[in-house]
């Protein structure tokens, strides 16, 4: 394999290691040298596991939206829709729809109760 063909793959693994290093350092407080060492090893591990395969990485938007909507409902206190709209970058109407949907998900339907 020529060097030109390997560069994108190498760049991908280096980018992955760089992002993992930053995440471990910022979120976990791991000193940068240790975070870098682990991240490079993790990138090599991933290359060993899935190297040569075409991989699609889903964004998992449905899960993220469900998590966001659950947070919105958890922070809803009865009259703070405008505040939630600003906080989450959504319209007032969208917040109202989310609250209505989340309330319906959590409510016990009377017709489902045993007799």
PDB file of N, CA and C in Angstrom:
ATOM      1  N   UNK A   1       0.846  -1.186   0.000  1.00  0.00           N
ATOM      2  CA  UNK A   1       0.000   0.000   0.000  1.00  0.00           C
ATOM      3  C   UNK A   1       0.887   1.244   0.000  1.00  0.00           C
ATOM      4  N   UNK A   2       0.584   2.188  -0.860  1.00  0.00           N
ATOM      5  CA  UNK A   2       1.416   3.384  -0.949  1.00  0.00           C
ATOM      6  C   UNK A   2       1.129   4.311   0.226  1.00  0.00           C
ATOM      7  N   UNK A   3       2.044   5.238   0.472  1.00  0.00           N
ATOM      8  CA  UNK A   3       1.859   6.195   1.555  1.00  0.00           C
ATOM      9  C   UNK A   3       0.657   7.080   1.330  1.00  0.00           C
ATOM     10  N   UNK A   4       0.370   7.440   0.053  1.00  0.00           N
ATOM     11  CA  UNK A   4      -0.786   8.287  -0.240  1.00  0.00           C
ATOM     12  C   UNK A   4      -2.089   7.600   0.133  1.00  0.00           C
ATOM     13  N   UNK A   5      -2.160   6.278  -0.046  1.00  0.00           N
ATOM     14  CA  UNK A   5      -3.368   5.538   0.277  1.00  0.00           C
ATOM     15  C   UNK A   5      -3.533   5.392   1.785  1.00  0.00           C
ATOM     16  N   UNK A   6      -2.463   5.339   2.512  1.00  0.00           N
ATOM     17  CA  UNK A   6      -2.520   5.138   3.961  1.00  0.00           C
ATOM     18  C   UNK A   6      -2.793   6.432   4.721  1.00  0.00           C
ATOM     19  N   UNK A   7      -2.513   7.567   4.134  1.00  0.00           N
ATOM     20  CA  UNK A   7      -2.646   8.831   4.851  1.00  0.00           C
ATOM     21  C   UNK A   7      -4.047   9.074   5.414  1.00  0.00           C
ATOM     22  N   UNK A   8      -5.126   8.882   4.656  1.00  0.00           N
ATOM     23  CA  UNK A   8      -6.451   9.123   5.252  1.00  0.00           C
ATOM     24  C   UNK A   8      -6.737   8.216   6.447  1.00  0.00           C
ATOM     25  N   UNK A   9      -6.343   6.953   6.368  1.00  0.00           N
ATOM     26  CA  UNK A   9      -6.570   6.042   7.483  1.00  0.00           C
ATOM     27  C   UNK A   9      -5.754   6.468   8.697  1.00  0.00           C
ATOM     28  N   UNK A  10      -4.512   6.821   8.459  1.00  0.00           N
ATOM     29  CA  UNK A  10      -3.654   7.273   9.549  1.00  0.00           C
ATOM     30  C   UNK A  10      -4.219   8.556  10.153  1.00  0.00           C
ATOM     31  N   UNK A  11      -4.653   9.457   9.310  1.00  0.00           N
ATOM     32  CA  UNK A  11      -5.221  10.714   9.790  1.00  0.00           C
ATOM     33  C   UNK A  11      -6.477  10.461  10.622  1.00  0.00           C
ATOM     34  N   UNK A  12      -7.300   9.503  10.206  1.00  0.00           N
ATOM     35  CA  UNK A  12      -8.513   9.181  10.961  1.00  0.00           C
ATOM     36  C   UNK A  12      -8.159   8.684  12.360  1.00  0.00           C
ATOM     37  N   UNK A  13      -7.206   7.765  12.455  1.00  0.00           N
ATOM     38  CA  UNK A  13      -6.808   7.230  13.758  1.00  0.00           C
ATOM     39  C   UNK A  13      -6.142   8.298  14.626  1.00  0.00           C
ATOM     40  N   UNK A  14      -5.347   9.155  14.002  1.00  0.00           N
ATOM     41  CA  UNK A  14      -4.724  10.244  14.755  1.00  0.00           C
ATOM     42  C   UNK A  14      -5.775  11.223  15.264  1.00  0.00           C
ATOM     43  N   UNK A  15      -6.771  11.516  14.425  1.00  0.00           N
ATOM     44  CA  UNK A  15      -7.860  12.410  14.832  1.00  0.00           C
ATOM     45  C   UNK A  15      -8.658  11.788  15.977  1.00  0.00           C
ATOM     46  N   UNK A  16      -8.940  10.495  15.870  1.00  0.00           N
ATOM     47  CA  UNK A  16      -9.647   9.791  16.942  1.00  0.00           C
ATOM     48  C   UNK A  16      -8.853   9.888  18.244  1.00  0.00           C
ATOM     49  N   UNK A  17      -7.564   9.613  18.186  1.00  0.00           N
ATOM     50  CA  UNK A  17      -6.728   9.678  19.384  1.00  0.00           C
ATOM     51  C   UNK A  17      -6.697  11.090  19.964  1.00  0.00           C
ATOM     52  N   UNK A  18      -6.631  12.094  19.105  1.00  0.00           N
ATOM     53  CA  UNK A  18      -6.622  13.487  19.578  1.00  0.00           C
ATOM     54  C   UNK A  18      -7.929  13.835  20.298  1.00  0.00           C
ATOM     55  N   UNK A  19      -9.045  13.416  19.730  1.00  0.00           N
ATOM     56  CA  UNK A  19     -10.347  13.706  20.356  1.00  0.00           C
ATOM     57  C   UNK A  19     -10.507  12.948  21.670  1.00  0.00           C
ATOM     58  N   UNK A  20     -10.066  11.703  21.707  1.00  0.00           N
ATOM     59  CA  UNK A  20     -10.133  10.931  22.946  1.00  0.00           C
ATOM     60  C   UNK A  20      -9.240  11.542  24.023  1.00  0.00           C
ATOM     61  N   UNK A  21      -8.074  12.017  23.616  1.00  0.00           N
ATOM     62  CA  UNK A  21      -7.160  12.670  24.558  1.00  0.00           C
ATOM     63  C   UNK A  21      -7.825  13.895  25.182  1.00  0.00           C
ATOM     64  N   UNK A  22      -8.400  14.746  24.341  1.00  0.00           N
ATOM     65  CA  UNK A  22      -9.049  15.966  24.834  1.00  0.00           C
ATOM     66  C   UNK A  22     -10.216  15.627  25.756  1.00  0.00           C
ATOM     67  N   UNK A  23     -11.020  14.636  25.380  1.00  0.00           N
ATOM     68  CA  UNK A  23     -12.186  14.248  26.180  1.00  0.00           C
ATOM     69  C   UNK A  23     -11.755  13.699  27.539  1.00  0.00           C
ATOM     70  N   UNK A  24     -10.764  12.818  27.552  1.00  0.00           N
ATOM     71  CA  UNK A  24     -10.281  12.241  28.804  1.00  0.00           C
ATOM     72  C   UNK A  24      -9.668  13.309  29.709  1.00  0.00           C
ATOM     73  N   UNK A  25      -8.949  14.237  29.115  1.00  0.00           N
ATOM     74  CA  UNK A  25      -8.316  15.307  29.891  1.00  0.00           C
ATOM     75  C   UNK A  25      -9.366  16.259  30.464  1.00  0.00           C
ATOM     76  N   UNK A  26     -10.294  16.700  29.624  1.00  0.00           N
ATOM     77  CA  UNK A  26     -11.300  17.685  30.052  1.00  0.00           C
ATOM     78  C   UNK A  26     -12.349  17.085  30.986  1.00  0.00           C
ATOM     79  N   UNK A  27     -12.915  15.948  30.612  1.00  0.00           N
ATOM     80  CA  UNK A  27     -14.044  15.398  31.363  1.00  0.00           C
ATOM     81  C   UNK A  27     -13.629  14.557  32.564  1.00  0.00           C
ATOM     82  N   UNK A  28     -12.510  13.870  32.455  1.00  0.00           N
ATOM     83  CA  UNK A  28     -12.097  12.968  33.524  1.00  0.00           C
ATOM     84  C   UNK A  28     -10.923  13.496  34.349  1.00  0.00           C
ATOM     85  N   UNK A  29     -10.330  14.594  33.876  1.00  0.00           N
ATOM     86  CA  UNK A  29      -9.212  15.188  34.602  1.00  0.00           C
ATOM     87  C   UNK A  29      -7.925  14.378  34.539  1.00  0.00           C
ATOM     88  N   UNK A  30      -7.833  13.502  33.548  1.00  0.00           N
ATOM     89  CA  UNK A  30      -6.620  12.702  33.379  1.00  0.00           C
ATOM     90  C   UNK A  30      -5.531  13.612  32.818  1.00  0.00           C
ATOM     91  N   UNK A  31      -4.346  13.585  33.417  1.00  0.00           N
ATOM     92  CA  UNK A  31      -3.265  14.428  32.880  1.00  0.00           C
ATOM     93  C   UNK A  31      -3.048  14.129  31.388  1.00  0.00           C
ATOM     94  N   UNK A  32      -2.759  15.183  30.633  1.00  0.00           N
ATOM     95  CA  UNK A  32      -2.666  15.056  29.178  1.00  0.00           C
ATOM     96  C   UNK A  32      -1.706  13.957  28.705  1.00  0.00           C
ATOM     97  N   UNK A  33      -0.524  13.797  29.296  1.00  0.00           N
ATOM     98  CA  UNK A  33       0.360  12.718  28.807  1.00  0.00           C
ATOM     99  C   UNK A  33      -0.257  11.319  28.956  1.00  0.00           C
ATOM    100  N   UNK A  34      -0.903  11.056  30.091  1.00  0.00           N
ATOM    101  CA  UNK A  34      -1.540   9.758  30.291  1.00  0.00           C
ATOM    102  C   UNK A  34      -2.758   9.600  29.380  1.00  0.00           C
ATOM    103  N   UNK A  35      -3.515  10.680  29.213  1.00  0.00           N
ATOM    104  CA  UNK A  35      -4.688  10.642  28.328  1.00  0.00           C
ATOM    105  C   UNK A  35      -4.244  10.364  26.892  1.00  0.00           C
ATOM    106  N   UNK A  36      -3.152  10.989  26.474  1.00  0.00           N
ATOM    107  CA  UNK A  36      -2.637  10.779  25.114  1.00  0.00           C
ATOM    108  C   UNK A  36      -2.167   9.340  24.938  1.00  0.00           C
ATOM    109  N   UNK A  37      -1.460   8.817  25.917  1.00  0.00           N
ATOM    110  CA  UNK A  37      -0.967   7.436  25.837  1.00  0.00           C
ATOM    111  C   UNK A  37      -2.140   6.456  25.730  1.00  0.00           C
ATOM    112  N   UNK A  38      -3.149   6.639  26.588  1.00  0.00           N
ATOM    113  CA  UNK A  38      -4.314   5.760  26.529  1.00  0.00           C
ATOM    114  C   UNK A  38      -5.055   5.913  25.207  1.00  0.00           C
ATOM    115  N   UNK A  39      -5.241   7.128  24.752  1.00  0.00           N
ATOM    116  CA  UNK A  39      -5.997   7.389  23.533  1.00  0.00           C
ATOM    117  C   UNK A  39      -5.335   6.787  22.303  1.00  0.00           C
ATOM    118  N   UNK A  40      -4.027   6.871  22.243  1.00  0.00           N
ATOM    119  CA  UNK A  40      -3.313   6.254  21.123  1.00  0.00           C
ATOM    120  C   UNK A  40      -3.457   4.732  21.168  1.00  0.00           C
ATOM    121  N   UNK A  41      -3.400   4.156  22.368  1.00  0.00           N
ATOM    122  CA  UNK A  41      -3.590   2.708  22.510  1.00  0.00           C
ATOM    123  C   UNK A  41      -5.024   2.321  22.136  1.00  0.00           C
ATOM    124  N   UNK A  42      -5.994   3.149  22.519  1.00  0.00           N
ATOM    125  CA  UNK A  42      -7.395   2.870  22.187  1.00  0.00           C
ATOM    126  C   UNK A  42      -7.612   2.934  20.677  1.00  0.00           C
ATOM    127  N   UNK A  43      -7.021   3.909  20.015  1.00  0.00           N
ATOM    128  CA  UNK A  43      -7.143   4.021  18.557  1.00  0.00           C
ATOM    129  C   UNK A  43      -6.537   2.788  17.877  1.00  0.00           C
ATOM    130  N   UNK A  44      -5.396   2.322  18.370  1.00  0.00           N
ATOM    131  CA  UNK A  44      -4.783   1.100  17.814  1.00  0.00           C
ATOM    132  C   UNK A  44      -5.672  -0.110  18.068  1.00  0.00           C
ATOM    133  N   UNK A  45      -6.266  -0.173  19.230  1.00  0.00           N
ATOM    134  CA  UNK A  45      -7.170  -1.274  19.575  1.00  0.00           C
ATOM    135  C   UNK A  45      -8.363  -1.299  18.614  1.00  0.00           C
ATOM    136  N   UNK A  46      -8.941  -0.141  18.356  1.00  0.00           N
ATOM    137  CA  UNK A  46     -10.070  -0.045  17.422  1.00  0.00           C
ATOM    138  C   UNK A  46      -9.628  -0.450  16.021  1.00  0.00           C
ATOM    139  N   UNK A  47      -8.435  -0.019  15.624  1.00  0.00           N
ATOM    140  CA  UNK A  47      -7.911  -0.400  14.306  1.00  0.00           C
ATOM    141  C   UNK A  47      -7.731  -1.912  14.215  1.00  0.00           C
ATOM    142  N   UNK A  48      -7.253  -2.531  15.302  1.00  0.00           N
ATOM    143  CA  UNK A  48      -7.089  -3.985  15.309  1.00  0.00           C
ATOM    144  C   UNK A  48      -8.438  -4.706  15.245  1.00  0.00           C
ATOM    145  N   UNK A  49      -9.434  -4.168  15.950  1.00  0.00           N
ATOM    146  CA  UNK A  49     -10.758  -4.799  15.969  1.00  0.00           C
ATOM    147  C   UNK A  49     -11.475  -4.686  14.628  1.00  0.00           C
ATOM    148  N   UNK A  50     -11.501  -3.475  14.075  1.00  0.00           N
ATOM    149  CA  UNK A  50     -12.334  -3.212  12.904  1.00  0.00           C
ATOM    150  C   UNK A  50     -11.549  -2.738  11.694  1.00  0.00           C
ATOM    151  N   UNK A  51     -10.234  -2.823  11.739  1.00  0.00           N
ATOM    152  CA  UNK A  51      -9.413  -2.376  10.625  1.00  0.00           C
ATOM    153  C   UNK A  51      -9.800  -3.058   9.319  1.00  0.00           C
ATOM    154  N   UNK A  52      -9.884  -2.291   8.264  1.00  0.00           N
ATOM    155  CA  UNK A  52     -10.218  -2.820   6.948  1.00  0.00           C
ATOM    156  C   UNK A  52     -11.703  -2.897   6.664  1.00  0.00           C
ATOM    157  N   UNK A  53     -12.531  -2.627   7.656  1.00  0.00           N
ATOM    158  CA  UNK A  53     -13.980  -2.674   7.468  1.00  0.00           C
ATOM    159  C   UNK A  53     -14.516  -1.271   7.207  1.00  0.00           C
ATOM    160  N   UNK A  54     -15.587  -1.229   6.440  1.00  0.00           N
ATOM    161  CA  UNK A  54     -16.292   0.020   6.239  1.00  0.00           C
ATOM    162  C   UNK A  54     -17.298   0.139   7.377  1.00  0.00           C
ATOM    163  N   UNK A  55     -17.187   1.187   8.167  1.00  0.00           N
ATOM    164  CA  UNK A  55     -18.012   1.324   9.360  1.00  0.00           C
ATOM    165  C   UNK A  55     -18.853   2.585   9.255  1.00  0.00           C
ATOM    166  N   UNK A  56     -20.149   2.422   9.524  1.00  0.00           N
ATOM    167  CA  UNK A  56     -21.071   3.551   9.614  1.00  0.00           C
ATOM    168  C   UNK A  56     -21.281   3.834  11.093  1.00  0.00           C
ATOM    169  N   UNK A  57     -21.086   5.055  11.513  1.00  0.00           N
ATOM    170  CA  UNK A  57     -21.288   5.427  12.904  1.00  0.00           C
ATOM    171  C   UNK A  57     -22.574   6.254  12.984  1.00  0.00           C
ATOM    172  N   UNK A  58     -23.638   5.673  13.563  1.00  0.00           N
ATOM    173  CA  UNK A  58     -24.901   6.409  13.642  1.00  0.00           C
ATOM    174  C   UNK A  58     -24.806   7.569  14.633  1.00  0.00           C
ATOM    175  N   UNK A  59     -25.574   8.601  14.395  1.00  0.00           N
ATOM    176  CA  UNK A  59     -25.592   9.752  15.295  1.00  0.00           C
ATOM    177  C   UNK A  59     -26.488   9.515  16.502  1.00  0.00           C
ATOM    178  N   UNK A  60     -27.339   8.500  16.435  1.00  0.00           N
ATOM    179  CA  UNK A  60     -28.237   8.148  17.535  1.00  0.00           C
ATOM    180  C   UNK A  60     -29.102   9.342  17.948  1.00  0.00           C
ATOM    181  N   UNK A  61     -29.644  10.020  16.953  1.00  0.00           N
ATOM    182  CA  UNK A  61     -30.431  11.218  17.223  1.00  0.00           C
ATOM    183  C   UNK A  61     -31.700  10.926  18.014  1.00  0.00           C
ATOM    184  N   UNK A  62     -32.349   9.783  17.759  1.00  0.00           N
ATOM    185  CA  UNK A  62     -33.585   9.464  18.481  1.00  0.00           C
ATOM    186  C   UNK A  62     -33.319   9.387  19.982  1.00  0.00           C
ATOM    187  N   UNK A  63     -32.233   8.745  20.361  1.00  0.00           N
ATOM    188  CA  UNK A  63     -31.887   8.627  21.776  1.00  0.00           C
ATOM    189  C   UNK A  63     -31.555   9.989  22.373  1.00  0.00           C
ATOM    190  N   UNK A  64     -30.848  10.800  21.616  1.00  0.00           N
ATOM    191  CA  UNK A  64     -30.490  12.138  22.108  1.00  0.00           C
ATOM    192  C   UNK A  64     -31.727  13.012  22.283  1.00  0.00           C
ATOM    193  N   UNK A  65     -32.658  12.916  21.344  1.00  0.00           N
ATOM    194  CA  UNK A  65     -33.884  13.704  21.434  1.00  0.00           C
ATOM    195  C   UNK A  65     -34.723  13.221  22.614  1.00  0.00           C
ATOM    196  N   UNK A  66     -34.831  11.908  22.790  1.00  0.00           N
ATOM    197  CA  UNK A  66     -35.582  11.377  23.930  1.00  0.00           C
ATOM    198  C   UNK A  66     -34.973  11.827  25.247  1.00  0.00           C
ATOM    199  N   UNK A  67     -33.651  11.815  25.326  1.00  0.00           N
ATOM    200  CA  UNK A  67     -32.962  12.263  26.536  1.00  0.00           C
ATOM    201  C   UNK A  67     -33.221  13.750  26.777  1.00  0.00           C
ATOM    202  N   UNK A  68     -33.125  14.548  25.720  1.00  0.00           N
ATOM    203  CA  UNK A  68     -33.382  15.989  25.843  1.00  0.00           C
ATOM    204  C   UNK A  68     -34.815  16.243  26.295  1.00  0.00           C
ATOM    205  N   UNK A  69     -35.771  15.544  25.667  1.00  0.00           N
ATOM    206  CA  UNK A  69     -37.176  15.745  26.012  1.00  0.00           C
ATOM    207  C   UNK A  69     -37.460  15.343  27.454  1.00  0.00           C
ATOM    208  N   UNK A  70     -36.820  14.295  27.918  1.00  0.00           N
ATOM    209  CA  UNK A  70     -36.983  13.865  29.303  1.00  0.00           C
ATOM    210  C   UNK A  70     -36.423  14.920  30.259  1.00  0.00           C
ATOM    211  N   UNK A  71     -35.282  15.520  29.904  1.00  0.00           N
ATOM    212  CA  UNK A  71     -34.701  16.592  30.723  1.00  0.00           C
ATOM    213  C   UNK A  71     -35.636  17.796  30.770  1.00  0.00           C
ATOM    214  N   UNK A  72     -36.191  18.139  29.617  1.00  0.00           N
ATOM    215  CA  UNK A  72     -37.116  19.275  29.561  1.00  0.00           C
ATOM    216  C   UNK A  72     -38.296  19.021  30.495  1.00  0.00           C
ATOM    217  N   UNK A  73     -38.875  17.827  30.411  1.00  0.00           N
ATOM    218  CA  UNK A  73     -40.028  17.510  31.258  1.00  0.00           C
ATOM    219  C   UNK A  73     -39.616  17.518  32.737  1.00  0.00           C
ATOM    220  N   UNK A  74     -38.429  17.028  33.034  1.00  0.00           N
ATOM    221  CA  UNK A  74     -37.950  17.024  34.414  1.00  0.00           C
ATOM    222  C   UNK A  74     -37.743  18.413  34.979  1.00  0.00           C
ATOM    223  N   UNK A  75     -37.434  19.379  34.123  1.00  0.00           N
ATOM    224  CA  UNK A  75     -37.209  20.758  34.562  1.00  0.00           C
ATOM    225  C   UNK A  75     -38.475  21.609  34.488  1.00  0.00           C
ATOM    226  N   UNK A  76     -39.534  21.059  33.935  1.00  0.00           N
ATOM    227  CA  UNK A  76     -40.792  21.791  33.812  1.00  0.00           C
ATOM    228  C   UNK A  76     -41.460  21.894  35.184  1.00  0.00           C
ATOM    229  N   UNK A  77     -41.804  23.123  35.584  1.00  0.00           N
ATOM    230  CA  UNK A  77     -42.428  23.339  36.891  1.00  0.00           C
ATOM    231  C   UNK A  77     -43.846  23.907  36.783  1.00  0.00           C
ATOM    232  N   UNK A  78     -44.376  23.940  35.595  1.00  0.00           N
ATOM    233  CA  UNK A  78     -45.756  24.388  35.418  1.00  0.00           C
ATOM    234  C   UNK A  78     -45.911  25.671  34.637  1.00  0.00           C
ATOM    235  N   UNK A  79     -44.916  26.549  34.709  1.00  0.00           N
ATOM    236  CA  UNK A  79     -45.059  27.840  34.027  1.00  0.00           C
ATOM    237  C   UNK A  79     -43.736  28.363  33.458  1.00  0.00           C
ATOM    238  N   UNK A  80     -42.780  27.481  33.240  1.00  0.00           N
ATOM    239  CA  UNK A  80     -41.463  27.940  32.783  1.00  0.00           C
ATOM    240  C   UNK A  80     -41.146  27.521  31.343  1.00  0.00           C
ATOM    241  N   UNK A  81     -42.179  27.444  30.504  1.00  0.00           N
ATOM    242  CA  UNK A  81     -41.966  27.036  29.118  1.00  0.00           C
ATOM    243  C   UNK A  81     -41.026  27.998  28.381  1.00  0.00           C
ATOM    244  N   UNK A  82     -41.186  29.290  28.597  1.00  0.00           N
ATOM    245  CA  UNK A  82     -40.342  30.274  27.905  1.00  0.00           C
ATOM    246  C   UNK A  82     -38.877  30.114  28.313  1.00  0.00           C
ATOM    247  N   UNK A  83     -38.646  29.893  29.599  1.00  0.00           N
ATOM    248  CA  UNK A  83     -37.282  29.684  30.094  1.00  0.00           C
ATOM    249  C   UNK A  83     -36.673  28.419  29.476  1.00  0.00           C
ATOM    250  N   UNK A  84     -37.467  27.340  29.411  1.00  0.00           N
ATOM    251  CA  UNK A  84     -36.988  26.093  28.817  1.00  0.00           C
ATOM    252  C   UNK A  84     -36.716  26.268  27.326  1.00  0.00           C
ATOM    253  N   UNK A  85     -37.556  27.048  26.658  1.00  0.00           N
ATOM    254  CA  UNK A  85     -37.355  27.304  25.231  1.00  0.00           C
ATOM    255  C   UNK A  85     -36.009  27.983  24.998  1.00  0.00           C
ATOM    256  N   UNK A  86     -35.697  28.981  25.818  1.00  0.00           N
ATOM    257  CA  UNK A  86     -34.406  29.670  25.697  1.00  0.00           C
ATOM    258  C   UNK A  86     -33.252  28.723  26.021  1.00  0.00           C
ATOM    259  N   UNK A  87     -33.387  27.984  27.103  1.00  0.00           N
ATOM    260  CA  UNK A  87     -32.303  27.099  27.551  1.00  0.00           C
ATOM    261  C   UNK A  87     -31.966  26.030  26.514  1.00  0.00           C
ATOM    262  N   UNK A  88     -33.007  25.435  25.897  1.00  0.00           N
ATOM    263  CA  UNK A  88     -32.788  24.327  24.976  1.00  0.00           C
ATOM    264  C   UNK A  88     -32.789  24.755  23.505  1.00  0.00           C
ATOM    265  N   UNK A  89     -32.948  26.046  23.245  1.00  0.00           N
ATOM    266  CA  UNK A  89     -32.899  26.552  21.874  1.00  0.00           C
ATOM    267  C   UNK A  89     -34.076  26.092  21.025  1.00  0.00           C
ATOM    268  N   UNK A  90     -35.257  25.996  21.641  1.00  0.00           N
ATOM    269  CA  UNK A  90     -36.461  25.553  20.943  1.00  0.00           C
ATOM    270  C   UNK A  90     -37.533  26.625  21.070  1.00  0.00           C
ATOM    271  N   UNK A  91     -38.565  26.504  20.261  1.00  0.00           N
ATOM    272  CA  UNK A  91     -39.665  27.461  20.362  1.00  0.00           C
ATOM    273  C   UNK A  91     -40.556  27.131  21.557  1.00  0.00           C
ATOM    274  N   UNK A  92     -41.285  28.123  22.000  1.00  0.00           N
ATOM    275  CA  UNK A  92     -42.250  27.948  23.090  1.00  0.00           C
ATOM    276  C   UNK A  92     -43.239  26.839  22.734  1.00  0.00           C
ATOM    277  N   UNK A  93     -43.730  26.850  21.497  1.00  0.00           N
ATOM    278  CA  UNK A  93     -44.693  25.851  21.047  1.00  0.00           C
ATOM    279  C   UNK A  93     -44.100  24.444  21.063  1.00  0.00           C
ATOM    280  N   UNK A  94     -42.846  24.331  20.663  1.00  0.00           N
ATOM    281  CA  UNK A  94     -42.183  23.020  20.660  1.00  0.00           C
ATOM    282  C   UNK A  94     -42.052  22.490  22.088  1.00  0.00           C
ATOM    283  N   UNK A  95     -41.702  23.362  23.027  1.00  0.00           N
ATOM    284  CA  UNK A  95     -41.615  22.969  24.432  1.00  0.00           C
ATOM    285  C   UNK A  95     -42.980  22.467  24.910  1.00  0.00           C
ATOM    286  N   UNK A  96     -44.042  23.169  24.537  1.00  0.00           N
ATOM    287  CA  UNK A  96     -45.391  22.739  24.943  1.00  0.00           C
ATOM    288  C   UNK A  96     -45.722  21.364  24.383  1.00  0.00           C
ATOM    289  N   UNK A  97     -45.367  21.110  23.125  1.00  0.00           N
ATOM    290  CA  UNK A  97     -45.613  19.788  22.524  1.00  0.00           C
ATOM    291  C   UNK A  97     -44.819  18.702  23.238  1.00  0.00           C
ATOM    292  N   UNK A  98     -43.575  19.007  23.579  1.00  0.00           N
ATOM    293  CA  UNK A  98     -42.725  18.035  24.277  1.00  0.00           C
ATOM    294  C   UNK A  98     -43.329  17.712  25.643  1.00  0.00           C
ATOM    295  N   UNK A  99     -43.736  18.719  26.369  1.00  0.00           N
ATOM    296  CA  UNK A  99     -44.328  18.504  27.695  1.00  0.00           C
ATOM    297  C   UNK A  99     -45.595  17.664  27.580  1.00  0.00           C
ATOM    298  N   UNK A 100     -46.421  17.976  26.607  1.00  0.00           N
ATOM    299  CA  UNK A 100     -47.655  17.210  26.402  1.00  0.00           C
ATOM    300  C   UNK A 100     -47.334  15.744  26.082  1.00  0.00           C
ATOM    301  N   UNK A 101     -46.353  15.523  25.201  1.00  0.00           N
ATOM    302  CA  UNK A 101     -45.960  14.163  24.812  1.00  0.00           C
ATOM    303  C   UNK A 101     -45.370  13.411  26.008  1.00  0.00           C
ATOM    304  N   UNK A 102     -44.489  14.060  26.754  1.00  0.00           N
ATOM    305  CA  UNK A 102     -43.858  13.413  27.907  1.00  0.00           C
ATOM    306  C   UNK A 102     -44.884  13.129  29.007  1.00  0.00           C
ATOM    307  N   UNK A 103     -45.803  14.031  29.221  1.00  0.00           N
ATOM    308  CA  UNK A 103     -46.864  13.816  30.217  1.00  0.00           C
ATOM    309  C   UNK A 103     -47.704  12.609  29.834  1.00  0.00           C
ATOM    310  N   UNK A 104     -48.039  12.492  28.557  1.00  0.00           N
ATOM    311  CA  UNK A 104     -48.845  11.357  28.081  1.00  0.00           C
ATOM    312  C   UNK A 104     -48.085  10.047  28.250  1.00  0.00           C
ATOM    313  N   UNK A 105     -46.778  10.056  28.017  1.00  0.00           N
ATOM    314  CA  UNK A 105     -45.967   8.843  28.185  1.00  0.00           C
ATOM    315  C   UNK A 105     -45.976   8.365  29.627  1.00  0.00           C
ATOM    316  N   UNK A 106     -46.045   9.304  30.555  1.00  0.00           N
ATOM    317  CA  UNK A 106     -45.937   8.965  31.971  1.00  0.00           C
ATOM    318  C   UNK A 106     -47.282   8.725  32.653  1.00  0.00           C
ATOM    319  N   UNK A 107     -48.362   9.151  32.038  1.00  0.00           N
ATOM    320  CA  UNK A 107     -49.652   9.035  32.690  1.00  0.00           C
ATOM    321  C   UNK A 107     -50.175   7.597  32.637  1.00  0.00           C
ATOM    322  N   UNK A 108     -50.876   7.231  33.689  1.00  0.00           N
ATOM    323  CA  UNK A 108     -51.508   5.904  33.747  1.00  0.00           C
ATOM    324  C   UNK A 108     -52.901   6.049  33.137  1.00  0.00           C
ATOM    325  N   UNK A 109     -53.168   5.255  32.144  1.00  0.00           N
ATOM    326  CA  UNK A 109     -54.475   5.297  31.501  1.00  0.00           C
ATOM    327  C   UNK A 109     -55.482   4.571  32.377  1.00  0.00           C
ATOM    328  N   UNK A 110     -56.613   5.187  32.634  1.00  0.00           N
ATOM    329  CA  UNK A 110     -57.636   4.595  33.487  1.00  0.00           C
ATOM    330  C   UNK A 110     -58.168   3.282  32.916  1.00  0.00           C
ATOM    331  N   UNK A 111     -58.256   3.179  31.603  1.00  0.00           N
ATOM    332  CA  UNK A 111     -58.814   1.967  31.024  1.00  0.00           C
ATOM    333  C   UNK A 111     -57.840   0.788  31.126  1.00  0.00           C
ATOM    334  N   UNK A 112     -56.597   1.030  31.510  1.00  0.00           N
ATOM    335  CA  UNK A 112     -55.621  -0.038  31.669  1.00  0.00           C
ATOM    336  C   UNK A 112     -55.618  -0.615  33.090  1.00  0.00           C
ATOM    337  N   UNK A 113     -56.311   0.042  34.015  1.00  0.00           N
ATOM    338  CA  UNK A 113     -56.323  -0.421  35.387  1.00  0.00           C
ATOM    339  C   UNK A 113     -57.181  -1.676  35.519  1.00  0.00           C
ATOM    340  N   UNK A 114     -56.794  -2.597  36.397  1.00  0.00           N
ATOM    341  CA  UNK A 114     -57.603  -3.802  36.587  1.00  0.00           C
ATOM    342  C   UNK A 114     -58.943  -3.439  37.243  1.00  0.00           C
ATOM    343  N   UNK A 115     -59.935  -4.224  36.974  1.00  0.00           N
ATOM    344  CA  UNK A 115     -61.266  -3.969  37.556  1.00  0.00           C
ATOM    345  C   UNK A 115     -61.362  -4.434  38.983  1.00  0.00           C
TER     346      UNK A 115
END
